[in-house]
Amino acid sequence: MQPKVEIYTWSRCPFCIRAKSLLDKKGIEYTEYCIDGDEAARDEMAERAGRRSLPQIFIEDQHIGGCDDLHDLEREGSLSKLLAIS
């Protein structure tokens, strides 16, 4: 069973696109919250993540961080473990 993965994005954000591309490459399904211009949604995300930058990624309700954080986990070999995939 795949873990619950959530990602807050803006549709034209290059970092959001890059983060989603990595998840797609790994075959991971995720729930995307595209919050283009929605300040209330961004406030909710910031309260949850502690950051206002995009994207913000959560795996099983654990805050992972943004695009660079996701790619760092991949380089370390930790992302597959978090996603429970081989």
PDB file of N, CA and C in Angstrom:
ATOM      1  N   MET A   1       0.839  -1.188   0.000  1.00  0.00           N
ATOM      2  CA  MET A   1       0.000   0.000   0.000  1.00  0.00           C
ATOM      3  C   MET A   1       0.881   1.248   0.000  1.00  0.00           C
ATOM      4  N   GLN A   2       0.564   2.166  -0.877  1.00  0.00           N
ATOM      5  CA  GLN A   2       1.357   3.396  -0.977  1.00  0.00           C
ATOM      6  C   GLN A   2       1.018   4.353   0.160  1.00  0.00           C
ATOM      7  N   PRO A   3       2.016   5.092   0.601  1.00  0.00           N
ATOM      8  CA  PRO A   3       1.750   6.093   1.637  1.00  0.00           C
ATOM      9  C   PRO A   3       0.960   7.262   1.070  1.00  0.00           C
ATOM     10  N   LYS A   4       0.351   8.008   1.978  1.00  0.00           N
ATOM     11  CA  LYS A   4      -0.370   9.213   1.571  1.00  0.00           C
ATOM     12  C   LYS A   4       0.651  10.314   1.327  1.00  0.00           C
ATOM     13  N   VAL A   5       0.664  10.841   0.100  1.00  0.00           N
ATOM     14  CA  VAL A   5       1.583  11.918  -0.274  1.00  0.00           C
ATOM     15  C   VAL A   5       0.733  13.107  -0.707  1.00  0.00           C
ATOM     16  N   GLU A   6       1.042  14.267  -0.151  1.00  0.00           N
ATOM     17  CA  GLU A   6       0.323  15.496  -0.485  1.00  0.00           C
ATOM     18  C   GLU A   6       1.349  16.552  -0.886  1.00  0.00           C
ATOM     19  N   ILE A   7       0.975  17.354  -1.886  1.00  0.00           N
ATOM     20  CA  ILE A   7       1.871  18.413  -2.341  1.00  0.00           C
ATOM     21  C   ILE A   7       1.056  19.670  -2.654  1.00  0.00           C
ATOM     22  N   TYR A   8       1.476  20.767  -2.057  1.00  0.00           N
ATOM     23  CA  TYR A   8       0.858  22.072  -2.321  1.00  0.00           C
ATOM     24  C   TYR A   8       1.662  22.731  -3.432  1.00  0.00           C
ATOM     25  N   THR A   9       0.980  23.212  -4.465  1.00  0.00           N
ATOM     26  CA  THR A   9       1.670  23.750  -5.634  1.00  0.00           C
ATOM     27  C   THR A   9       1.020  25.022  -6.165  1.00  0.00           C
ATOM     28  N   TRP A  10       1.751  25.689  -7.048  1.00  0.00           N
ATOM     29  CA  TRP A  10       1.221  26.665  -7.986  1.00  0.00           C
ATOM     30  C   TRP A  10       1.436  26.057  -9.354  1.00  0.00           C
ATOM     31  N   SER A  11       0.516  26.238 -10.267  1.00  0.00           N
ATOM     32  CA  SER A  11       0.548  25.538 -11.549  1.00  0.00           C
ATOM     33  C   SER A  11       1.779  25.854 -12.389  1.00  0.00           C
ATOM     34  N   ARG A  12       2.319  27.076 -12.312  1.00  0.00           N
ATOM     35  CA  ARG A  12       3.461  27.428 -13.155  1.00  0.00           C
ATOM     36  C   ARG A  12       4.782  27.484 -12.403  1.00  0.00           C
ATOM     37  N   CYS A  13       4.797  27.031 -11.190  1.00  0.00           N
ATOM     38  CA  CYS A  13       6.002  27.058 -10.360  1.00  0.00           C
ATOM     39  C   CYS A  13       6.990  25.977 -10.832  1.00  0.00           C
ATOM     40  N   PRO A  14       8.190  26.371 -11.280  1.00  0.00           N
ATOM     41  CA  PRO A  14       9.139  25.371 -11.780  1.00  0.00           C
ATOM     42  C   PRO A  14       9.585  24.370 -10.705  1.00  0.00           C
ATOM     43  N   PHE A  15       9.660  24.815  -9.462  1.00  0.00           N
ATOM     44  CA  PHE A  15      10.045  23.901  -8.383  1.00  0.00           C
ATOM     45  C   PHE A  15       8.934  22.890  -8.107  1.00  0.00           C
ATOM     46  N   CYS A  16       7.685  23.334  -8.218  1.00  0.00           N
ATOM     47  CA  CYS A  16       6.543  22.433  -8.045  1.00  0.00           C
ATOM     48  C   CYS A  16       6.545  21.376  -9.148  1.00  0.00           C
ATOM     49  N   ILE A  17       6.778  21.821 -10.369  1.00  0.00           N
ATOM     50  CA  ILE A  17       6.807  20.913 -11.516  1.00  0.00           C
ATOM     51  C   ILE A  17       7.936  19.895 -11.344  1.00  0.00           C
ATOM     52  N   ARG A  18       9.085  20.361 -10.883  1.00  0.00           N
ATOM     53  CA  ARG A  18      10.237  19.469 -10.681  1.00  0.00           C
ATOM     54  C   ARG A  18       9.961  18.435  -9.582  1.00  0.00           C
ATOM     55  N   ALA A  19       9.327  18.857  -8.506  1.00  0.00           N
ATOM     56  CA  ALA A  19       9.005  17.930  -7.417  1.00  0.00           C
ATOM     57  C   ALA A  19       7.993  16.881  -7.883  1.00  0.00           C
ATOM     58  N   LYS A  20       6.965  17.326  -8.587  1.00  0.00           N
ATOM     59  CA  LYS A  20       5.956  16.379  -9.090  1.00  0.00           C
ATOM     60  C   LYS A  20       6.580  15.415 -10.094  1.00  0.00           C
ATOM     61  N   SER A  21       7.510  15.897 -10.891  1.00  0.00           N
ATOM     62  CA  SER A  21       8.191  15.052 -11.870  1.00  0.00           C
ATOM     63  C   SER A  21       8.941  13.909 -11.185  1.00  0.00           C
ATOM     64  N   LEU A  22       9.605  14.199 -10.074  1.00  0.00           N
ATOM     65  CA  LEU A  22      10.317  13.150  -9.333  1.00  0.00           C
ATOM     66  C   LEU A  22       9.332  12.120  -8.789  1.00  0.00           C
ATOM     67  N   LEU A  23       8.233  12.587  -8.209  1.00  0.00           N
ATOM     68  CA  LEU A  23       7.229  11.653  -7.698  1.00  0.00           C
ATOM     69  C   LEU A  23       6.639  10.819  -8.830  1.00  0.00           C
ATOM     70  N   ASP A  24       6.372  11.465  -9.964  1.00  0.00           N
ATOM     71  CA  ASP A  24       5.840  10.740 -11.125  1.00  0.00           C
ATOM     72  C   ASP A  24       6.830   9.684 -11.604  1.00  0.00           C
ATOM     73  N   LYS A  25       8.103  10.058 -11.669  1.00  0.00           N
ATOM     74  CA  LYS A  25       9.151   9.130 -12.122  1.00  0.00           C
ATOM     75  C   LYS A  25       9.212   7.895 -11.229  1.00  0.00           C
ATOM     76  N   LYS A  26       8.951   8.090  -9.942  1.00  0.00           N
ATOM     77  CA  LYS A  26       8.978   6.983  -8.989  1.00  0.00           C
ATOM     78  C   LYS A  26       7.644   6.227  -8.935  1.00  0.00           C
ATOM     79  N   GLY A  27       6.662   6.693  -9.731  1.00  0.00           N
ATOM     80  CA  GLY A  27       5.371   6.022  -9.766  1.00  0.00           C
ATOM     81  C   GLY A  27       4.529   6.222  -8.526  1.00  0.00           C
ATOM     82  N   ILE A  28       4.722   7.354  -7.863  1.00  0.00           N
ATOM     83  CA  ILE A  28       4.013   7.644  -6.618  1.00  0.00           C
ATOM     84  C   ILE A  28       2.771   8.473  -6.901  1.00  0.00           C
ATOM     85  N   GLU A  29       1.649   8.003  -6.412  1.00  0.00           N
ATOM     86  CA  GLU A  29       0.413   8.779  -6.508  1.00  0.00           C
ATOM     87  C   GLU A  29       0.416   9.810  -5.383  1.00  0.00           C
ATOM     88  N   TYR A  30      -0.114  10.983  -5.687  1.00  0.00           N
ATOM     89  CA  TYR A  30      -0.146  12.039  -4.687  1.00  0.00           C
ATOM     90  C   TYR A  30      -1.397  12.880  -4.878  1.00  0.00           C
ATOM     91  N   THR A  31      -1.762  13.549  -3.811  1.00  0.00           N
ATOM     92  CA  THR A  31      -2.851  14.511  -3.855  1.00  0.00           C
ATOM     93  C   THR A  31      -2.219  15.884  -4.018  1.00  0.00           C
ATOM     94  N   GLU A  32      -2.621  16.580  -5.069  1.00  0.00           N
ATOM     95  CA  GLU A  32      -2.079  17.906  -5.324  1.00  0.00           C
ATOM     96  C   GLU A  32      -3.105  18.963  -4.942  1.00  0.00           C
ATOM     97  N   TYR A  33      -2.653  19.943  -4.192  1.00  0.00           N
ATOM     98  CA  TYR A  33      -3.471  21.093  -3.856  1.00  0.00           C
ATOM     99  C   TYR A  33      -2.886  22.288  -4.602  1.00  0.00           C
ATOM    100  N   CYS A  34      -3.455  22.603  -5.745  1.00  0.00           N
ATOM    101  CA  CYS A  34      -2.992  23.732  -6.537  1.00  0.00           C
ATOM    102  C   CYS A  34      -3.653  24.988  -5.965  1.00  0.00           C
ATOM    103  N   ILE A  35      -2.840  25.841  -5.356  1.00  0.00           N
ATOM    104  CA  ILE A  35      -3.394  26.976  -4.601  1.00  0.00           C
ATOM    105  C   ILE A  35      -3.098  28.312  -5.274  1.00  0.00           C
ATOM    106  N   ASP A  36      -3.014  28.324  -6.598  1.00  0.00           N
ATOM    107  CA  ASP A  36      -2.731  29.550  -7.359  1.00  0.00           C
ATOM    108  C   ASP A  36      -3.552  30.733  -6.846  1.00  0.00           C
ATOM    109  N   GLY A  37      -2.872  31.711  -6.266  1.00  0.00           N
ATOM    110  CA  GLY A  37      -3.523  32.953  -5.871  1.00  0.00           C
ATOM    111  C   GLY A  37      -4.526  32.849  -4.736  1.00  0.00           C
ATOM    112  N   ASP A  38      -4.668  31.688  -4.119  1.00  0.00           N
ATOM    113  CA  ASP A  38      -5.633  31.491  -3.035  1.00  0.00           C
ATOM    114  C   ASP A  38      -4.916  31.726  -1.702  1.00  0.00           C
ATOM    115  N   GLU A  39      -4.986  32.949  -1.208  1.00  0.00           N
ATOM    116  CA  GLU A  39      -4.246  33.305   0.005  1.00  0.00           C
ATOM    117  C   GLU A  39      -4.739  32.548   1.238  1.00  0.00           C
ATOM    118  N   ALA A  40      -6.024  32.252   1.313  1.00  0.00           N
ATOM    119  CA  ALA A  40      -6.543  31.499   2.455  1.00  0.00           C
ATOM    120  C   ALA A  40      -5.939  30.095   2.466  1.00  0.00           C
ATOM    121  N   ALA A  41      -5.876  29.459   1.287  1.00  0.00           N
ATOM    122  CA  ALA A  41      -5.279  28.123   1.185  1.00  0.00           C
ATOM    123  C   ALA A  41      -3.786  28.183   1.501  1.00  0.00           C
ATOM    124  N   ARG A  42      -3.137  29.258   1.065  1.00  0.00           N
ATOM    125  CA  ARG A  42      -1.702  29.396   1.349  1.00  0.00           C
ATOM    126  C   ARG A  42      -1.473  29.590   2.842  1.00  0.00           C
ATOM    127  N   ASP A  43      -2.350  30.341   3.494  1.00  0.00           N
ATOM    128  CA  ASP A  43      -2.244  30.510   4.946  1.00  0.00           C
ATOM    129  C   ASP A  43      -2.393  29.171   5.662  1.00  0.00           C
ATOM    130  N   GLU A  44      -3.363  28.354   5.214  1.00  0.00           N
ATOM    131  CA  GLU A  44      -3.556  27.019   5.807  1.00  0.00           C
ATOM    132  C   GLU A  44      -2.309  26.170   5.612  1.00  0.00           C
ATOM    133  N   MET A  45      -1.756  26.188   4.397  1.00  0.00           N
ATOM    134  CA  MET A  45      -0.549  25.424   4.108  1.00  0.00           C
ATOM    135  C   MET A  45       0.597  25.889   4.999  1.00  0.00           C
ATOM    136  N   ALA A  46       0.765  27.216   5.133  1.00  0.00           N
ATOM    137  CA  ALA A  46       1.852  27.769   5.931  1.00  0.00           C
ATOM    138  C   ALA A  46       1.714  27.378   7.397  1.00  0.00           C
ATOM    139  N   GLU A  47       0.489  27.344   7.884  1.00  0.00           N
ATOM    140  CA  GLU A  47       0.272  26.927   9.265  1.00  0.00           C
ATOM    141  C   GLU A  47       0.665  25.465   9.438  1.00  0.00           C
ATOM    142  N   ARG A  48       0.347  24.649   8.457  1.00  0.00           N
ATOM    143  CA  ARG A  48       0.657  23.219   8.516  1.00  0.00           C
ATOM    144  C   ARG A  48       2.150  22.966   8.329  1.00  0.00           C
ATOM    145  N   ALA A  49       2.772  23.683   7.384  1.00  0.00           N
ATOM    146  CA  ALA A  49       4.165  23.418   7.017  1.00  0.00           C
ATOM    147  C   ALA A  49       5.174  24.281   7.772  1.00  0.00           C
ATOM    148  N   GLY A  50       4.726  25.428   8.261  1.00  0.00           N
ATOM    149  CA  GLY A  50       5.663  26.349   8.885  1.00  0.00           C
ATOM    150  C   GLY A  50       6.439  27.176   7.864  1.00  0.00           C
ATOM    151  N   ARG A  51       6.050  27.081   6.598  1.00  0.00           N
ATOM    152  CA  ARG A  51       6.693  27.825   5.509  1.00  0.00           C
ATOM    153  C   ARG A  51       5.616  28.299   4.537  1.00  0.00           C
ATOM    154  N   ARG A  52       5.918  29.384   3.820  1.00  0.00           N
ATOM    155  CA  ARG A  52       4.979  29.892   2.821  1.00  0.00           C
ATOM    156  C   ARG A  52       5.432  29.596   1.394  1.00  0.00           C
ATOM    157  N   SER A  53       6.657  29.121   1.227  1.00  0.00           N
ATOM    158  CA  SER A  53       7.176  28.840  -0.111  1.00  0.00           C
ATOM    159  C   SER A  53       6.521  27.577  -0.683  1.00  0.00           C
ATOM    160  N   LEU A  54       6.586  27.480  -2.006  1.00  0.00           N
ATOM    161  CA  LEU A  54       5.997  26.339  -2.690  1.00  0.00           C
ATOM    162  C   LEU A  54       7.072  25.624  -3.494  1.00  0.00           C
ATOM    163  N   PRO A  55       6.944  24.305  -3.659  1.00  0.00           N
ATOM    164  CA  PRO A  55       5.907  23.446  -3.104  1.00  0.00           C
ATOM    165  C   PRO A  55       6.175  23.121  -1.639  1.00  0.00           C
ATOM    166  N   GLN A  56       5.178  22.571  -0.988  1.00  0.00           N
ATOM    167  CA  GLN A  56       5.330  21.980   0.334  1.00  0.00           C
ATOM    168  C   GLN A  56       4.804  20.555   0.224  1.00  0.00           C
ATOM    169  N   ILE A  57       5.592  19.605   0.719  1.00  0.00           N
ATOM    170  CA  ILE A  57       5.304  18.187   0.514  1.00  0.00           C
ATOM    171  C   ILE A  57       5.171  17.497   1.864  1.00  0.00           C
ATOM    172  N   PHE A  58       4.181  16.622   1.938  1.00  0.00           N
ATOM    173  CA  PHE A  58       3.927  15.821   3.137  1.00  0.00           C
ATOM    174  C   PHE A  58       3.835  14.356   2.733  1.00  0.00           C
ATOM    175  N   ILE A  59       4.463  13.484   3.515  1.00  0.00           N
ATOM    176  CA  ILE A  59       4.329  12.039   3.335  1.00  0.00           C
ATOM    177  C   ILE A  59       3.797  11.495   4.650  1.00  0.00           C
ATOM    178  N   GLU A  60       2.627  10.872   4.579  1.00  0.00           N
ATOM    179  CA  GLU A  60       1.954  10.355   5.786  1.00  0.00           C
ATOM    180  C   GLU A  60       1.863  11.442   6.856  1.00  0.00           C
ATOM    181  N   ASP A  61       1.448  12.630   6.444  1.00  0.00           N
ATOM    182  CA  ASP A  61       1.269  13.791   7.322  1.00  0.00           C
ATOM    183  C   ASP A  61       2.568  14.318   7.927  1.00  0.00           C
ATOM    184  N   GLN A  62       3.711  13.768   7.535  1.00  0.00           N
ATOM    185  CA  GLN A  62       5.010  14.276   7.981  1.00  0.00           C
ATOM    186  C   GLN A  62       5.488  15.301   6.964  1.00  0.00           C
ATOM    187  N   HIS A  63       5.825  16.487   7.434  1.00  0.00           N
ATOM    188  CA  HIS A  63       6.302  17.545   6.544  1.00  0.00           C
ATOM    189  C   HIS A  63       7.696  17.191   6.045  1.00  0.00           C
ATOM    190  N   ILE A  64       7.839  17.104   4.731  1.00  0.00           N
ATOM    191  CA  ILE A  64       9.117  16.777   4.104  1.00  0.00           C
ATOM    192  C   ILE A  64       9.863  18.047   3.740  1.00  0.00           C
ATOM    193  N   GLY A  65       9.132  19.069   3.342  1.00  0.00           N
ATOM    194  CA  GLY A  65       9.736  20.322   2.925  1.00  0.00           C
ATOM    195  C   GLY A  65       9.367  20.626   1.490  1.00  0.00           C
ATOM    196  N   GLY A  66      10.298  21.269   0.782  1.00  0.00           N
ATOM    197  CA  GLY A  66      10.043  21.675  -0.592  1.00  0.00           C
ATOM    198  C   GLY A  66      10.757  20.800  -1.598  1.00  0.00           C
ATOM    199  N   CYS A  67      10.906  21.325  -2.799  1.00  0.00           N
ATOM    200  CA  CYS A  67      11.502  20.594  -3.906  1.00  0.00           C
ATOM    201  C   CYS A  67      12.942  20.158  -3.594  1.00  0.00           C
ATOM    202  N   ASP A  68      13.762  21.085  -3.120  1.00  0.00           N
ATOM    203  CA  ASP A  68      15.158  20.745  -2.823  1.00  0.00           C
ATOM    204  C   ASP A  68      15.243  19.680  -1.738  1.00  0.00           C
ATOM    205  N   ASP A  69      14.382  19.770  -0.732  1.00  0.00           N
ATOM    206  CA  ASP A  69      14.364  18.778   0.343  1.00  0.00           C
ATOM    207  C   ASP A  69      14.012  17.394  -0.200  1.00  0.00           C
ATOM    208  N   LEU A  70      13.027  17.356  -1.104  1.00  0.00           N
ATOM    209  CA  LEU A  70      12.609  16.095  -1.711  1.00  0.00           C
ATOM    210  C   LEU A  70      13.759  15.483  -2.512  1.00  0.00           C
ATOM    211  N   HIS A  71      14.431  16.304  -3.313  1.00  0.00           N
ATOM    212  CA  HIS A  71      15.547  15.807  -4.119  1.00  0.00           C
ATOM    213  C   HIS A  71      16.740  15.416  -3.247  1.00  0.00           C
ATOM    214  N   ASP A  72      16.955  16.110  -2.130  1.00  0.00           N
ATOM    215  CA  ASP A  72      18.015  15.711  -1.190  1.00  0.00           C
ATOM    216  C   ASP A  72      17.738  14.327  -0.631  1.00  0.00           C
ATOM    217  N   LEU A  73      16.480  14.070  -0.259  1.00  0.00           N
ATOM    218  CA  LEU A  73      16.108  12.745   0.243  1.00  0.00           C
ATOM    219  C   LEU A  73      16.355  11.675  -0.815  1.00  0.00           C
ATOM    220  N   GLU A  74      16.062  11.992  -2.062  1.00  0.00           N
ATOM    221  CA  GLU A  74      16.288  11.047  -3.150  1.00  0.00           C
ATOM    222  C   GLU A  74      17.787  10.752  -3.295  1.00  0.00           C
ATOM    223  N   ARG A  75      18.619  11.788  -3.269  1.00  0.00           N
ATOM    224  CA  ARG A  75      20.072  11.605  -3.395  1.00  0.00           C
ATOM    225  C   ARG A  75      20.642  10.765  -2.257  1.00  0.00           C
ATOM    226  N   GLU A  76      20.101  10.956  -1.048  1.00  0.00           N
ATOM    227  CA  GLU A  76      20.559  10.212   0.134  1.00  0.00           C
ATOM    228  C   GLU A  76      20.058   8.773   0.125  1.00  0.00           C
ATOM    229  N   GLY A  77      19.082   8.475  -0.725  1.00  0.00           N
ATOM    230  CA  GLY A  77      18.492   7.146  -0.717  1.00  0.00           C
ATOM    231  C   GLY A  77      17.383   6.989   0.321  1.00  0.00           C
ATOM    232  N   SER A  78      17.004   8.080   0.955  1.00  0.00           N
ATOM    233  CA  SER A  78      15.981   8.025   2.010  1.00  0.00           C
ATOM    234  C   SER A  78      14.561   8.107   1.491  1.00  0.00           C
ATOM    235  N   LEU A  79      14.373   8.669   0.293  1.00  0.00           N
ATOM    236  CA  LEU A  79      13.011   8.882  -0.210  1.00  0.00           C
ATOM    237  C   LEU A  79      12.295   7.551  -0.442  1.00  0.00           C
ATOM    238  N   SER A  80      12.973   6.597  -1.040  1.00  0.00           N
ATOM    239  CA  SER A  80      12.337   5.301  -1.282  1.00  0.00           C
ATOM    240  C   SER A  80      11.913   4.639   0.008  1.00  0.00           C
ATOM    241  N   LYS A  81      12.744   4.784   1.058  1.00  0.00           N
ATOM    242  CA  LYS A  81      12.382   4.215   2.355  1.00  0.00           C
ATOM    243  C   LYS A  81      11.143   4.889   2.913  1.00  0.00           C
ATOM    244  N   LEU A  82      11.090   6.226   2.803  1.00  0.00           N
ATOM    245  CA  LEU A  82       9.912   6.951   3.288  1.00  0.00           C
ATOM    246  C   LEU A  82       8.656   6.542   2.518  1.00  0.00           C
ATOM    247  N   LEU A  83       8.832   6.282   1.233  1.00  0.00           N
ATOM    248  CA  LEU A  83       7.702   5.910   0.385  1.00  0.00           C
ATOM    249  C   LEU A  83       7.443   4.411   0.408  1.00  0.00           C
ATOM    250  N   ALA A  84       8.308   3.666   1.109  1.00  0.00           N
ATOM    251  CA  ALA A  84       8.191   2.210   1.229  1.00  0.00           C
ATOM    252  C   ALA A  84       8.153   1.535  -0.129  1.00  0.00           C
ATOM    253  N   ILE A  85       9.091   1.951  -1.010  1.00  0.00           N
ATOM    254  CA  ILE A  85       9.206   1.309  -2.314  1.00  0.00           C
ATOM    255  C   ILE A  85      10.643   0.856  -2.512  1.00  0.00           C
ATOM    256  N   SER A  86      10.824  -0.104  -3.388  1.00  0.00           N
ATOM    257  CA  SER A  86      12.187  -0.595  -3.623  1.00  0.00           C
ATOM    258  C   SER A  86      12.698  -0.148  -4.962  1.00  0.00           C
TER     259      SER A  86
END
